[in-house]
């Protein structure tokens, strides 16, 4: 049985709609290819579906195959956030559905 169209991650992460791109730089200075992602408001708790003053980690959601090798302490830049640099604060959190969350902190 084919998957429904809404399950296509490439459609969900379309940069012509509301997605953006992120690039990662490792400790050797190697920069990744741009990764399509959703940048989440750092004060929006998606578990609760509301804003929370205790949440503060910016994060991106992306396809797990696009961030294989991204580790804690790598640097990250987000295309929709020019002039800001982030670093990865935890190893990538894979969720088993093909997507993952990368938690960031602003440098």
Protein backbone atom coordinates (compact mmCIF):
# COMPACT_ATOMS: atom_id res chain seq x y z
CA UNK A 1 0.00 0.00 0.00
CA UNK A 2 1.52 3.38 -0.97
CA UNK A 3 2.12 6.02 1.68
CA UNK A 4 -0.23 9.00 1.82
CA UNK A 5 1.13 12.17 0.18
CA UNK A 6 1.31 13.93 3.55
CA UNK A 7 3.88 11.38 4.72
CA UNK A 8 6.41 12.51 2.12
CA UNK A 9 9.11 14.23 4.17
CA UNK A 10 10.44 16.10 1.14
CA UNK A 11 7.03 17.76 0.72
CA UNK A 12 6.89 18.57 4.43
CA UNK A 13 10.41 20.05 4.36
CA UNK A 14 9.89 22.09 1.19
CA UNK A 15 11.94 25.28 1.48
CA UNK A 16 9.53 27.03 -0.90
CA UNK A 17 6.82 26.72 1.77
CA UNK A 18 7.84 27.17 5.41
CA UNK A 19 11.03 25.15 5.79
CA UNK A 20 14.50 26.65 5.79
CA UNK A 21 18.00 25.20 5.50
CA UNK A 22 20.75 24.56 8.03
CA UNK A 23 24.42 23.85 7.54
CA UNK A 24 26.71 22.18 10.06
CA UNK A 25 30.42 22.69 10.59
CA UNK A 26 32.42 20.00 12.38
CA UNK A 27 35.52 20.50 14.51
CA UNK A 28 37.76 20.09 11.42
CA UNK A 29 36.02 23.00 9.70
CA UNK A 30 34.17 20.84 7.16
CA UNK A 31 30.79 22.31 6.22
CA UNK A 32 27.85 20.06 5.38
CA UNK A 33 25.54 20.41 2.42
CA UNK A 34 22.44 22.49 3.25
CA UNK A 35 19.83 20.43 5.10
CA UNK A 36 16.11 21.22 4.72
CA UNK A 37 14.62 21.70 8.18
CA UNK A 38 11.95 23.31 10.30
CA UNK A 39 13.37 25.80 12.80
CA UNK A 40 11.23 25.78 15.94
CA UNK A 41 10.58 28.80 18.10
CA UNK A 42 12.72 28.22 21.19
CA UNK A 43 9.87 29.07 23.53
CA UNK A 44 7.23 26.87 21.87
CA UNK A 45 6.77 23.52 23.61
CA UNK A 46 5.48 21.24 20.85
CA UNK A 47 4.62 18.54 23.42
CA UNK A 48 2.15 20.89 25.09
CA UNK A 49 1.26 22.87 21.97
CA UNK A 50 1.77 26.16 23.74
CA UNK A 51 4.44 28.67 24.70
CA UNK A 52 6.48 28.02 27.83
CA UNK A 53 8.89 30.36 29.56
CA UNK A 54 10.94 27.37 30.74
CA UNK A 55 11.68 26.09 27.24
CA UNK A 56 14.66 27.82 25.73
CA UNK A 57 16.51 25.54 23.36
CA UNK A 58 16.10 26.40 19.72
CA UNK A 59 15.80 23.25 17.66
CA UNK A 60 15.41 22.01 14.14
CA UNK A 61 13.44 19.07 12.83
CA UNK A 62 14.80 17.39 9.71
CA UNK A 63 15.27 14.06 7.94
CA UNK A 64 17.59 11.79 9.89
CA UNK A 65 19.49 10.73 6.76
CA UNK A 66 20.52 14.36 6.24
CA UNK A 67 22.27 14.70 9.62
CA UNK A 68 24.11 11.41 9.94
CA UNK A 69 27.43 12.33 11.52
CA UNK A 70 26.24 15.54 13.17
CA UNK A 71 27.40 15.49 16.78
CA UNK A 72 27.34 17.54 19.94
CA UNK A 73 29.48 20.72 19.67
CA UNK A 74 29.19 21.03 15.87
CA UNK A 75 28.30 24.55 14.75
CA UNK A 76 25.08 25.26 12.89
CA UNK A 77 23.82 28.17 10.84
CA UNK A 78 20.17 28.60 9.85
CA UNK A 79 19.39 30.36 6.56
CA UNK A 80 16.33 32.12 8.00
CA UNK A 81 18.39 33.45 10.95
CA UNK A 82 21.20 35.42 9.25
CA UNK A 83 24.06 36.57 11.43
CA UNK A 84 23.39 33.99 14.13
CA UNK A 85 25.49 30.93 14.85
CA UNK A 86 24.35 28.02 16.99
CA UNK A 87 26.06 24.96 18.35
CA UNK A 88 24.59 21.49 18.74
CA UNK A 89 24.04 20.84 22.46
CA UNK A 90 23.16 17.12 22.31
CA UNK A 91 23.78 14.36 19.84
CA UNK A 92 20.96 14.15 17.30
CA UNK A 93 17.70 12.69 18.69
CA UNK A 94 16.32 10.16 16.18
CA UNK A 95 12.64 9.34 16.61
CA UNK A 96 12.34 6.20 14.46
CA UNK A 97 10.01 7.77 11.88
CA UNK A 98 12.67 9.14 9.54
CA UNK A 99 12.79 12.53 11.24
CA UNK A 100 14.94 13.78 14.07
CA UNK A 101 15.40 16.77 16.33
CA UNK A 102 18.66 18.67 16.68
CA UNK A 103 18.80 20.83 19.83
CA UNK A 104 20.81 24.04 19.52
CA UNK A 105 22.11 26.91 21.63
CA UNK A 106 23.03 30.30 20.30
CA UNK A 107 26.75 31.11 20.37
